[in-house]
Amino acid sequence: DTILESEFILLLAFLGRADDPRVRPAANYLRGHQLPSGGWAN
């Protein structure tokens, strides 16, 4: 599920790399898996 992409982004932010070029593609993947109700499922 999407915790993998989320935690990868959170790790990069912790490491001071929130501007890493992989952040936006991982975020795009997250957006594509949002439920109509607004949340995310496992």
PDB file of all heavy atoms in Angstrom:
ATOM      1  N   ASP A   1       0.828  -1.193   0.000  1.00  0.00           N
ATOM      2  CA  ASP A   1       0.000   0.000   0.000  1.00  0.00           C
ATOM      3  C   ASP A   1       0.873   1.258   0.000  1.00  0.00           C
ATOM      4  O   ASP A   1       2.106   1.186  -0.061  1.00  0.00           O
ATOM      5  CB  ASP A   1      -0.996  -0.019   1.164  1.00  0.00           C
ATOM      6  CG  ASP A   1      -0.327   0.059   2.533  1.00  0.00           C
ATOM      7  OD1 ASP A   1       0.554   0.911   2.718  1.00  0.00           O
ATOM      8  OD2 ASP A   1      -0.705  -0.717   3.435  1.00  0.00           O
ATOM      9  N   THR A   2       0.255   2.418   0.119  1.00  0.00           N
ATOM     10  CA  THR A   2       0.958   3.679  -0.095  1.00  0.00           C
ATOM     11  C   THR A   2       1.828   4.108   1.079  1.00  0.00           C
ATOM     12  O   THR A   2       2.504   5.148   0.983  1.00  0.00           O
ATOM     13  CB  THR A   2      -0.039   4.806  -0.397  1.00  0.00           C
ATOM     14  OG1 THR A   2      -0.971   4.914   0.698  1.00  0.00           O
ATOM     15  CG2 THR A   2      -0.786   4.528  -1.692  1.00  0.00           C
ATOM     16  N   ILE A   3       1.853   3.344   2.178  1.00  0.00           N
ATOM     17  CA  ILE A   3       2.777   3.737   3.251  1.00  0.00           C
ATOM     18  C   ILE A   3       4.224   3.684   2.761  1.00  0.00           C
ATOM     19  O   ILE A   3       5.083   4.390   3.295  1.00  0.00           O
ATOM     20  CB  ILE A   3       2.621   2.865   4.511  1.00  0.00           C
ATOM     21  CG1 ILE A   3       3.012   1.408   4.245  1.00  0.00           C
ATOM     22  CG2 ILE A   3       1.231   2.972   5.094  1.00  0.00           C
ATOM     23  CD1 ILE A   3       3.197   0.597   5.500  1.00  0.00           C
ATOM     24  N   LEU A   4       4.500   2.875   1.750  1.00  0.00           N
ATOM     25  CA  LEU A   4       5.862   2.762   1.244  1.00  0.00           C
ATOM     26  C   LEU A   4       6.311   4.074   0.611  1.00  0.00           C
ATOM     27  O   LEU A   4       7.401   4.594   0.917  1.00  0.00           O
ATOM     28  CB  LEU A   4       5.949   1.624   0.230  1.00  0.00           C
ATOM     29  CG  LEU A   4       5.533   0.244   0.758  1.00  0.00           C
ATOM     30  CD1 LEU A   4       5.356  -0.733  -0.398  1.00  0.00           C
ATOM     31  CD2 LEU A   4       6.550  -0.281   1.746  1.00  0.00           C
ATOM     32  N   GLU A   5       5.495   4.627  -0.262  1.00  0.00           N
ATOM     33  CA  GLU A   5       5.844   5.896  -0.895  1.00  0.00           C
ATOM     34  C   GLU A   5       5.838   7.032   0.136  1.00  0.00           C
ATOM     35  O   GLU A   5       6.708   7.909   0.114  1.00  0.00           O
ATOM     36  CB  GLU A   5       4.863   6.203  -2.030  1.00  0.00           C
ATOM     37  CG  GLU A   5       4.942   5.230  -3.199  1.00  0.00           C
ATOM     38  CD  GLU A   5       4.340   3.864  -2.902  1.00  0.00           C
ATOM     39  OE1 GLU A   5       3.347   3.804  -2.132  1.00  0.00           O
ATOM     40  OE2 GLU A   5       4.854   2.853  -3.431  1.00  0.00           O
ATOM     41  N   SER A   6       4.851   7.000   1.046  1.00  0.00           N
ATOM     42  CA  SER A   6       4.774   8.042   2.066  1.00  0.00           C
ATOM     43  C   SER A   6       6.013   8.039   2.949  1.00  0.00           C
ATOM     44  O   SER A   6       6.634   9.094   3.188  1.00  0.00           O
ATOM     45  CB  SER A   6       3.522   7.843   2.931  1.00  0.00           C
ATOM     46  OG  SER A   6       2.348   7.919   2.170  1.00  0.00           O
ATOM     47  N   GLU A   7       6.386   6.883   3.455  1.00  0.00           N
ATOM     48  CA  GLU A   7       7.525   6.812   4.363  1.00  0.00           C
ATOM     49  C   GLU A   7       8.831   7.147   3.650  1.00  0.00           C
ATOM     50  O   GLU A   7       9.756   7.693   4.261  1.00  0.00           O
ATOM     51  CB  GLU A   7       7.592   5.435   5.020  1.00  0.00           C
ATOM     52  CG  GLU A   7       6.454   5.187   5.997  1.00  0.00           C
ATOM     53  CD  GLU A   7       6.577   3.873   6.734  1.00  0.00           C
ATOM     54  OE1 GLU A   7       7.629   3.200   6.628  1.00  0.00           O
ATOM     55  OE2 GLU A   7       5.615   3.500   7.435  1.00  0.00           O
ATOM     56  N   PHE A   8       8.914   6.843   2.376  1.00  0.00           N
ATOM     57  CA  PHE A   8      10.103   7.220   1.610  1.00  0.00           C
ATOM     58  C   PHE A   8      10.230   8.746   1.554  1.00  0.00           C
ATOM     59  O   PHE A   8      11.308   9.308   1.769  1.00  0.00           O
ATOM     60  CB  PHE A   8      10.015   6.624   0.209  1.00  0.00           C
ATOM     61  CG  PHE A   8      11.245   6.841  -0.638  1.00  0.00           C
ATOM     62  CD1 PHE A   8      12.477   6.354  -0.242  1.00  0.00           C
ATOM     63  CD2 PHE A   8      11.163   7.529  -1.835  1.00  0.00           C
ATOM     64  CE1 PHE A   8      13.610   6.547  -1.023  1.00  0.00           C
ATOM     65  CE2 PHE A   8      12.286   7.727  -2.633  1.00  0.00           C
ATOM     66  CZ  PHE A   8      13.519   7.239  -2.218  1.00  0.00           C
ATOM     67  N   ILE A   9       9.128   9.422   1.287  1.00  0.00           N
ATOM     68  CA  ILE A   9       9.144  10.889   1.267  1.00  0.00           C
ATOM     69  C   ILE A   9       9.462  11.435   2.658  1.00  0.00           C
ATOM     70  O   ILE A   9      10.258  12.382   2.806  1.00  0.00           O
ATOM     71  CB  ILE A   9       7.794  11.430   0.761  1.00  0.00           C
ATOM     72  CG1 ILE A   9       7.603  11.075  -0.725  1.00  0.00           C
ATOM     73  CG2 ILE A   9       7.696  12.939   0.966  1.00  0.00           C
ATOM     74  CD1 ILE A   9       6.237  11.434  -1.274  1.00  0.00           C
ATOM     75  N   LEU A  10       8.855  10.857   3.694  1.00  0.00           N
ATOM     76  CA  LEU A  10       9.110  11.332   5.057  1.00  0.00           C
ATOM     77  C   LEU A  10      10.571  11.131   5.437  1.00  0.00           C
ATOM     78  O   LEU A  10      11.171  11.985   6.110  1.00  0.00           O
ATOM     79  CB  LEU A  10       8.192  10.598   6.035  1.00  0.00           C
ATOM     80  CG  LEU A  10       6.686  10.813   5.847  1.00  0.00           C
ATOM     81  CD1 LEU A  10       5.893   9.972   6.833  1.00  0.00           C
ATOM     82  CD2 LEU A  10       6.314  12.279   5.987  1.00  0.00           C
ATOM     83  N   LEU A  11      11.163  10.009   5.013  1.00  0.00           N
ATOM     84  CA  LEU A  11      12.581   9.790   5.289  1.00  0.00           C
ATOM     85  C   LEU A  11      13.432  10.857   4.606  1.00  0.00           C
ATOM     86  O   LEU A  11      14.347  11.429   5.224  1.00  0.00           O
ATOM     87  CB  LEU A  11      13.008   8.404   4.808  1.00  0.00           C
ATOM     88  CG  LEU A  11      14.528   8.160   4.844  1.00  0.00           C
ATOM     89  CD1 LEU A  11      15.045   8.106   6.276  1.00  0.00           C
ATOM     90  CD2 LEU A  11      14.905   6.895   4.078  1.00  0.00           C
ATOM     91  N   LEU A  12      13.158  11.121   3.329  1.00  0.00           N
ATOM     92  CA  LEU A  12      13.949  12.125   2.613  1.00  0.00           C
ATOM     93  C   LEU A  12      13.837  13.484   3.297  1.00  0.00           C
ATOM     94  O   LEU A  12      14.826  14.220   3.417  1.00  0.00           O
ATOM     95  CB  LEU A  12      13.487  12.209   1.159  1.00  0.00           C
ATOM     96  CG  LEU A  12      13.802  10.978   0.289  1.00  0.00           C
ATOM     97  CD1 LEU A  12      13.151  11.113  -1.081  1.00  0.00           C
ATOM     98  CD2 LEU A  12      15.308  10.772   0.146  1.00  0.00           C
ATOM     99  N   ALA A  13      12.634  13.811   3.791  1.00  0.00           N
ATOM    100  CA  ALA A  13      12.477  15.079   4.500  1.00  0.00           C
ATOM    101  C   ALA A  13      13.295  15.080   5.782  1.00  0.00           C
ATOM    102  O   ALA A  13      13.940  16.089   6.118  1.00  0.00           O
ATOM    103  CB  ALA A  13      11.002  15.321   4.810  1.00  0.00           C
ATOM    104  N   PHE A  14      13.296  13.978   6.507  1.00  0.00           N
ATOM    105  CA  PHE A  14      14.088  13.898   7.736  1.00  0.00           C
ATOM    106  C   PHE A  14      15.573  14.073   7.439  1.00  0.00           C
ATOM    107  O   PHE A  14      16.307  14.706   8.212  1.00  0.00           O
ATOM    108  CB  PHE A  14      13.845  12.559   8.430  1.00  0.00           C
ATOM    109  CG  PHE A  14      14.765  12.315   9.591  1.00  0.00           C
ATOM    110  CD1 PHE A  14      14.567  12.951  10.804  1.00  0.00           C
ATOM    111  CD2 PHE A  14      15.852  11.459   9.468  1.00  0.00           C
ATOM    112  CE1 PHE A  14      15.430  12.752  11.872  1.00  0.00           C
ATOM    113  CE2 PHE A  14      16.724  11.241  10.530  1.00  0.00           C
ATOM    114  CZ  PHE A  14      16.511  11.893  11.741  1.00  0.00           C
ATOM    115  N   LEU A  15      16.014  13.532   6.319  1.00  0.00           N
ATOM    116  CA  LEU A  15      17.425  13.638   5.941  1.00  0.00           C
ATOM    117  C   LEU A  15      17.771  14.999   5.349  1.00  0.00           C
ATOM    118  O   LEU A  15      18.910  15.222   4.926  1.00  0.00           O
ATOM    119  CB  LEU A  15      17.780  12.532   4.938  1.00  0.00           C
ATOM    120  CG  LEU A  15      17.668  11.090   5.450  1.00  0.00           C
ATOM    121  CD1 LEU A  15      17.952  10.101   4.312  1.00  0.00           C
ATOM    122  CD2 LEU A  15      18.607  10.834   6.624  1.00  0.00           C
ATOM    123  N   GLY A  16      16.789  15.895   5.312  1.00  0.00           N
ATOM    124  CA  GLY A  16      17.040  17.218   4.753  1.00  0.00           C
ATOM    125  C   GLY A  16      17.007  17.257   3.245  1.00  0.00           C
ATOM    126  O   GLY A  16      17.575  18.161   2.622  1.00  0.00           O
ATOM    127  N   ARG A  17      16.294  16.293   2.645  1.00  0.00           N
ATOM    128  CA  ARG A  17      16.275  16.177   1.185  1.00  0.00           C
ATOM    129  C   ARG A  17      14.851  16.259   0.647  1.00  0.00           C
ATOM    130  O   ARG A  17      14.462  15.528  -0.252  1.00  0.00           O
ATOM    131  CB  ARG A  17      16.941  14.866   0.762  1.00  0.00           C
ATOM    132  CG  ARG A  17      18.420  14.814   1.141  1.00  0.00           C
ATOM    133  CD  ARG A  17      18.998  13.413   1.101  1.00  0.00           C
ATOM    134  NE  ARG A  17      18.869  12.777  -0.202  1.00  0.00           N
ATOM    135  CZ  ARG A  17      19.321  11.544  -0.472  1.00  0.00           C
ATOM    136  NH1 ARG A  17      19.954  10.848   0.476  1.00  0.00           N
ATOM    137  NH2 ARG A  17      19.170  11.031  -1.672  1.00  0.00           N
ATOM    138  N   ALA A  18      14.061  17.173   1.201  1.00  0.00           N
ATOM    139  CA  ALA A  18      12.678  17.311   0.744  1.00  0.00           C
ATOM    140  C   ALA A  18      12.600  17.748  -0.713  1.00  0.00           C
ATOM    141  O   ALA A  18      11.550  17.595  -1.361  1.00  0.00           O
ATOM    142  CB  ALA A  18      11.925  18.300   1.630  1.00  0.00           C
ATOM    143  N   ASP A  19      13.690  18.301  -1.224  1.00  0.00           N
ATOM    144  CA  ASP A  19      13.719  18.725  -2.625  1.00  0.00           C
ATOM    145  C   ASP A  19      14.262  17.645  -3.550  1.00  0.00           C
ATOM    146  O   ASP A  19      14.537  17.900  -4.726  1.00  0.00           O
ATOM    147  CB  ASP A  19      14.560  19.986  -2.770  1.00  0.00           C
ATOM    148  CG  ASP A  19      16.004  19.800  -2.280  1.00  0.00           C
ATOM    149  OD1 ASP A  19      16.304  18.752  -1.671  1.00  0.00           O
ATOM    150  OD2 ASP A  19      16.826  20.711  -2.505  1.00  0.00           O
ATOM    151  N   ASP A  20      14.430  16.428  -3.053  1.00  0.00           N
ATOM    152  CA  ASP A  20      14.917  15.325  -3.871  1.00  0.00           C
ATOM    153  C   ASP A  20      13.992  15.145  -5.080  1.00  0.00           C
ATOM    154  O   ASP A  20      12.760  15.204  -4.951  1.00  0.00           O
ATOM    155  CB  ASP A  20      14.950  14.038  -3.025  1.00  0.00           C
ATOM    156  CG  ASP A  20      15.632  12.875  -3.725  1.00  0.00           C
ATOM    157  OD1 ASP A  20      15.055  12.330  -4.691  1.00  0.00           O
ATOM    158  OD2 ASP A  20      16.740  12.482  -3.292  1.00  0.00           O
ATOM    159  N   PRO A  21      14.538  14.926  -6.276  1.00  0.00           N
ATOM    160  CA  PRO A  21      13.690  14.808  -7.476  1.00  0.00           C
ATOM    161  C   PRO A  21      12.731  13.624  -7.449  1.00  0.00           C
ATOM    162  O   PRO A  21      11.806  13.561  -8.262  1.00  0.00           O
ATOM    163  CB  PRO A  21      14.706  14.676  -8.616  1.00  0.00           C
ATOM    164  CG  PRO A  21      15.984  14.258  -7.973  1.00  0.00           C
ATOM    165  CD  PRO A  21      15.979  14.865  -6.613  1.00  0.00           C
ATOM    166  N   ARG A  22      12.916  12.698  -6.519  1.00  0.00           N
ATOM    167  CA  ARG A  22      12.009  11.547  -6.438  1.00  0.00           C
ATOM    168  C   ARG A  22      10.764  11.847  -5.610  1.00  0.00           C
ATOM    169  O   ARG A  22       9.817  11.048  -5.610  1.00  0.00           O
ATOM    170  CB  ARG A  22      12.744  10.349  -5.858  1.00  0.00           C
ATOM    171  CG  ARG A  22      13.842   9.802  -6.761  1.00  0.00           C
ATOM    172  CD  ARG A  22      14.726   8.810  -6.064  1.00  0.00           C
ATOM    173  NE  ARG A  22      15.488   9.453  -4.985  1.00  0.00           N
ATOM    174  CZ  ARG A  22      16.416   8.834  -4.270  1.00  0.00           C
ATOM    175  NH1 ARG A  22      16.687   7.565  -4.501  1.00  0.00           N
ATOM    176  NH2 ARG A  22      17.059   9.477  -3.312  1.00  0.00           N
ATOM    177  N   VAL A  23      10.749  12.963  -4.898  1.00  0.00           N
ATOM    178  CA  VAL A  23       9.618  13.267  -4.027  1.00  0.00           C
ATOM    179  C   VAL A  23       8.343  13.497  -4.831  1.00  0.00           C
ATOM    180  O   VAL A  23       7.288  12.922  -4.526  1.00  0.00           O
ATOM    181  CB  VAL A  23       9.934  14.489  -3.136  1.00  0.00           C
ATOM    182  CG1 VAL A  23       8.662  15.005  -2.462  1.00  0.00           C
ATOM    183  CG2 VAL A  23      10.972  14.121  -2.076  1.00  0.00           C
ATOM    184  N   ARG A  24       8.407  14.313  -5.863  1.00  0.00           N
ATOM    185  CA  ARG A  24       7.184  14.615  -6.623  1.00  0.00           C
ATOM    186  C   ARG A  24       6.619  13.385  -7.343  1.00  0.00           C
ATOM    187  O   ARG A  24       5.403  13.155  -7.296  1.00  0.00           O
ATOM    188  CB  ARG A  24       7.450  15.764  -7.597  1.00  0.00           C
ATOM    189  CG  ARG A  24       6.216  16.210  -8.394  1.00  0.00           C
ATOM    190  CD  ARG A  24       4.991  16.463  -7.524  1.00  0.00           C
ATOM    191  NE  ARG A  24       5.071  17.623  -6.703  1.00  0.00           N
ATOM    192  CZ  ARG A  24       4.401  18.753  -6.921  1.00  0.00           C
ATOM    193  NH1 ARG A  24       3.593  18.864  -7.965  1.00  0.00           N
ATOM    194  NH2 ARG A  24       4.507  19.762  -6.082  1.00  0.00           N
ATOM    195  N   PRO A  25       7.432  12.541  -8.006  1.00  0.00           N
ATOM    196  CA  PRO A  25       6.852  11.330  -8.607  1.00  0.00           C
ATOM    197  C   PRO A  25       6.202  10.404  -7.577  1.00  0.00           C
ATOM    198  O   PRO A  25       5.149   9.811  -7.845  1.00  0.00           O
ATOM    199  CB  PRO A  25       8.056  10.658  -9.280  1.00  0.00           C
ATOM    200  CG  PRO A  25       9.004  11.770  -9.553  1.00  0.00           C
ATOM    201  CD  PRO A  25       8.842  12.721  -8.419  1.00  0.00           C
ATOM    202  N   ALA A  26       6.808  10.277  -6.397  1.00  0.00           N
ATOM    203  CA  ALA A  26       6.189   9.451  -5.355  1.00  0.00           C
ATOM    204  C   ALA A  26       4.881  10.080  -4.890  1.00  0.00           C
ATOM    205  O   ALA A  26       3.897   9.372  -4.610  1.00  0.00           O
ATOM    206  CB  ALA A  26       7.153   9.276  -4.182  1.00  0.00           C
ATOM    207  N   ALA A  27       4.852  11.412  -4.808  1.00  0.00           N
ATOM    208  CA  ALA A  27       3.614  12.098  -4.433  1.00  0.00           C
ATOM    209  C   ALA A  27       2.537  11.920  -5.498  1.00  0.00           C
ATOM    210  O   ALA A  27       1.347  11.780  -5.179  1.00  0.00           O
ATOM    211  CB  ALA A  27       3.902  13.585  -4.202  1.00  0.00           C
ATOM    212  N   ASN A  28       2.940  11.926  -6.761  1.00  0.00           N
ATOM    213  CA  ASN A  28       1.962  11.668  -7.831  1.00  0.00           C
ATOM    214  C   ASN A  28       1.321  10.302  -7.672  1.00  0.00           C
ATOM    215  O   ASN A  28       0.118  10.127  -7.912  1.00  0.00           O
ATOM    216  CB  ASN A  28       2.649  11.762  -9.198  1.00  0.00           C
ATOM    217  CG  ASN A  28       3.090  13.170  -9.542  1.00  0.00           C
ATOM    218  OD1 ASN A  28       2.596  14.143  -8.980  1.00  0.00           O
ATOM    219  ND2 ASN A  28       4.029  13.290 -10.468  1.00  0.00           N
ATOM    220  N   TYR A  29       2.133   9.322  -7.288  1.00  0.00           N
ATOM    221  CA  TYR A  29       1.593   7.974  -7.056  1.00  0.00           C
ATOM    222  C   TYR A  29       0.582   8.002  -5.913  1.00  0.00           C
ATOM    223  O   TYR A  29      -0.484   7.382  -5.997  1.00  0.00           O
ATOM    224  CB  TYR A  29       2.732   7.011  -6.746  1.00  0.00           C
ATOM    225  CG  TYR A  29       2.292   5.567  -6.607  1.00  0.00           C
ATOM    226  CD1 TYR A  29       2.106   4.766  -7.729  1.00  0.00           C
ATOM    227  CD2 TYR A  29       2.054   5.017  -5.349  1.00  0.00           C
ATOM    228  CE1 TYR A  29       1.697   3.449  -7.610  1.00  0.00           C
ATOM    229  CE2 TYR A  29       1.648   3.694  -5.217  1.00  0.00           C
ATOM    230  CZ  TYR A  29       1.470   2.922  -6.345  1.00  0.00           C
ATOM    231  OH  TYR A  29       1.051   1.610  -6.207  1.00  0.00           O
ATOM    232  N   LEU A  30       0.908   8.736  -4.850  1.00  0.00           N
ATOM    233  CA  LEU A  30      -0.017   8.847  -3.720  1.00  0.00           C
ATOM    234  C   LEU A  30      -1.336   9.470  -4.158  1.00  0.00           C
ATOM    235  O   LEU A  30      -2.416   8.982  -3.783  1.00  0.00           O
ATOM    236  CB  LEU A  30       0.610   9.698  -2.618  1.00  0.00           C
ATOM    237  CG  LEU A  30       1.778   9.093  -1.850  1.00  0.00           C
ATOM    238  CD1 LEU A  30       2.375  10.119  -0.896  1.00  0.00           C
ATOM    239  CD2 LEU A  30       1.321   7.869  -1.072  1.00  0.00           C
ATOM    240  N   ARG A  31      -1.266  10.529  -4.926  1.00  0.00           N
ATOM    241  CA  ARG A  31      -2.492  11.186  -5.379  1.00  0.00           C
ATOM    242  C   ARG A  31      -3.371  10.228  -6.182  1.00  0.00           C
ATOM    243  O   ARG A  31      -4.597  10.261  -6.070  1.00  0.00           O
ATOM    244  CB  ARG A  31      -2.153  12.415  -6.221  1.00  0.00           C
ATOM    245  CG  ARG A  31      -1.613  13.588  -5.433  1.00  0.00           C
ATOM    246  CD  ARG A  31      -1.720  14.868  -6.242  1.00  0.00           C
ATOM    247  NE  ARG A  31      -3.108  15.183  -6.580  1.00  0.00           N
ATOM    248  CZ  ARG A  31      -3.470  16.185  -7.382  1.00  0.00           C
ATOM    249  NH1 ARG A  31      -2.544  16.950  -7.946  1.00  0.00           N
ATOM    250  NH2 ARG A  31      -4.736  16.422  -7.638  1.00  0.00           N
ATOM    251  N   GLY A  32      -2.742   9.392  -6.965  1.00  0.00           N
ATOM    252  CA  GLY A  32      -3.500   8.457  -7.783  1.00  0.00           C
ATOM    253  C   GLY A  32      -4.202   7.371  -6.989  1.00  0.00           C
ATOM    254  O   GLY A  32      -5.044   6.666  -7.548  1.00  0.00           O
ATOM    255  N   HIS A  33      -3.865   7.228  -5.712  1.00  0.00           N
ATOM    256  CA  HIS A  33      -4.468   6.177  -4.897  1.00  0.00           C
ATOM    257  C   HIS A  33      -5.361   6.721  -3.791  1.00  0.00           C
ATOM    258  O   HIS A  33      -5.800   5.971  -2.911  1.00  0.00           O
ATOM    259  CB  HIS A  33      -3.374   5.291  -4.292  1.00  0.00           C
ATOM    260  CG  HIS A  33      -2.758   4.362  -5.295  1.00  0.00           C
ATOM    261  ND1 HIS A  33      -1.879   4.796  -6.262  1.00  0.00           N
ATOM    262  CD2 HIS A  33      -2.905   3.030  -5.499  1.00  0.00           C
ATOM    263  CE1 HIS A  33      -1.517   3.771  -7.016  1.00  0.00           C
ATOM    264  NE2 HIS A  33      -2.116   2.696  -6.581  1.00  0.00           N
ATOM    265  N   GLN A  34      -5.668   8.015  -3.850  1.00  0.00           N
ATOM    266  CA  GLN A  34      -6.574   8.583  -2.860  1.00  0.00           C
ATOM    267  C   GLN A  34      -7.998   8.088  -3.115  1.00  0.00           C
ATOM    268  O   GLN A  34      -8.447   7.993  -4.264  1.00  0.00           O
ATOM    269  CB  GLN A  34      -6.539  10.111  -2.913  1.00  0.00           C
ATOM    270  CG  GLN A  34      -7.345  10.786  -1.817  1.00  0.00           C
ATOM    271  CD  GLN A  34      -7.270  12.304  -1.891  1.00  0.00           C
ATOM    272  OE1 GLN A  34      -6.930  12.868  -2.942  1.00  0.00           O
ATOM    273  NE2 GLN A  34      -7.584  12.975  -0.794  1.00  0.00           N
ATOM    274  N   LEU A  35      -8.708   7.772  -2.055  1.00  0.00           N
ATOM    275  CA  LEU A  35     -10.092   7.332  -2.169  1.00  0.00           C
ATOM    276  C   LEU A  35     -11.008   8.526  -2.449  1.00  0.00           C
ATOM    277  O   LEU A  35     -10.691   9.658  -2.066  1.00  0.00           O
ATOM    278  CB  LEU A  35     -10.540   6.654  -0.875  1.00  0.00           C
ATOM    279  CG  LEU A  35      -9.789   5.387  -0.453  1.00  0.00           C
ATOM    280  CD1 LEU A  35     -10.242   4.942   0.931  1.00  0.00           C
ATOM    281  CD2 LEU A  35     -10.002   4.279  -1.471  1.00  0.00           C
ATOM    282  N   PRO A  36     -12.140   8.312  -3.074  1.00  0.00           N
ATOM    283  CA  PRO A  36     -13.085   9.419  -3.290  1.00  0.00           C
ATOM    284  C   PRO A  36     -13.489  10.108  -1.989  1.00  0.00           C
ATOM    285  O   PRO A  36     -13.765  11.311  -1.975  1.00  0.00           O
ATOM    286  CB  PRO A  36     -14.281   8.731  -3.962  1.00  0.00           C
ATOM    287  CG  PRO A  36     -13.694   7.516  -4.619  1.00  0.00           C
ATOM    288  CD  PRO A  36     -12.593   7.063  -3.705  1.00  0.00           C
ATOM    289  N   SER A  37     -13.504   9.342  -0.898  1.00  0.00           N
ATOM    290  CA  SER A  37     -13.879   9.909   0.402  1.00  0.00           C
ATOM    291  C   SER A  37     -12.793  10.799   0.983  1.00  0.00           C
ATOM    292  O   SER A  37     -13.035  11.512   1.963  1.00  0.00           O
ATOM    293  CB  SER A  37     -14.186   8.788   1.388  1.00  0.00           C
ATOM    294  OG  SER A  37     -13.029   7.980   1.608  1.00  0.00           O
ATOM    295  N   GLY A  38     -11.571  10.739   0.421  1.00  0.00           N
ATOM    296  CA  GLY A  38     -10.503  11.609   0.866  1.00  0.00           C
ATOM    297  C   GLY A  38      -9.322  10.919   1.500  1.00  0.00           C
ATOM    298  O   GLY A  38      -8.220  11.464   1.526  1.00  0.00           O
ATOM    299  N   GLY A  39      -9.520   9.734   2.062  1.00  0.00           N
ATOM    300  CA  GLY A  39      -8.434   9.037   2.733  1.00  0.00           C
ATOM    301  C   GLY A  39      -7.725   8.051   1.823  1.00  0.00           C
ATOM    302  O   GLY A  39      -7.900   8.044   0.596  1.00  0.00           O
ATOM    303  N   TRP A  40      -6.919   7.203   2.450  1.00  0.00           N
ATOM    304  CA  TRP A  40      -6.184   6.157   1.735  1.00  0.00           C
ATOM    305  C   TRP A  40      -6.395   4.832   2.449  1.00  0.00           C
ATOM    306  O   TRP A  40      -6.463   4.778   3.685  1.00  0.00           O
ATOM    307  CB  TRP A  40      -4.681   6.479   1.692  1.00  0.00           C
ATOM    308  CG  TRP A  40      -4.297   7.518   0.694  1.00  0.00           C
ATOM    309  CD1 TRP A  40      -3.789   7.312  -0.555  1.00  0.00           C
ATOM    310  CD2 TRP A  40      -4.374   8.947   0.847  1.00  0.00           C
ATOM    311  NE1 TRP A  40      -3.545   8.508  -1.188  1.00  0.00           N
ATOM    312  CE2 TRP A  40      -3.886   9.533  -0.355  1.00  0.00           C
ATOM    313  CE3 TRP A  40      -4.801   9.792   1.883  1.00  0.00           C
ATOM    314  CZ2 TRP A  40      -3.828  10.902  -0.545  1.00  0.00           C
ATOM    315  CZ3 TRP A  40      -4.750  11.167   1.696  1.00  0.00           C
ATOM    316  CH2 TRP A  40      -4.266  11.708   0.499  1.00  0.00           C
ATOM    317  N   ALA A  41      -6.499   3.755   1.667  1.00  0.00           N
ATOM    318  CA  ALA A  41      -6.744   2.422   2.225  1.00  0.00           C
ATOM    319  C   ALA A  41      -5.458   1.620   2.242  1.00  0.00           C
ATOM    320  O   ALA A  41      -4.483   1.962   1.562  1.00  0.00           O
ATOM    321  CB  ALA A  41      -7.803   1.692   1.401  1.00  0.00           C
ATOM    322  N   ASN A  42      -5.463   0.515   2.997  1.00  0.00           N
ATOM    323  CA  ASN A  42      -4.289  -0.363   2.979  1.00  0.00           C
ATOM    324  C   ASN A  42      -4.477  -1.568   2.062  1.00  0.00           C
ATOM    325  O   ASN A  42      -3.641  -2.465   2.050  1.00  0.00           O
ATOM    326  CB  ASN A  42      -3.881  -0.793   4.396  1.00  0.00           C
ATOM    327  CG  ASN A  42      -4.977  -1.520   5.144  1.00  0.00           C
ATOM    328  OD1 ASN A  42      -6.055  -1.770   4.604  1.00  0.00           O
ATOM    329  ND2 ASN A  42      -4.712  -1.856   6.390  1.00  0.00           N
TER     330      ASN A  42
END
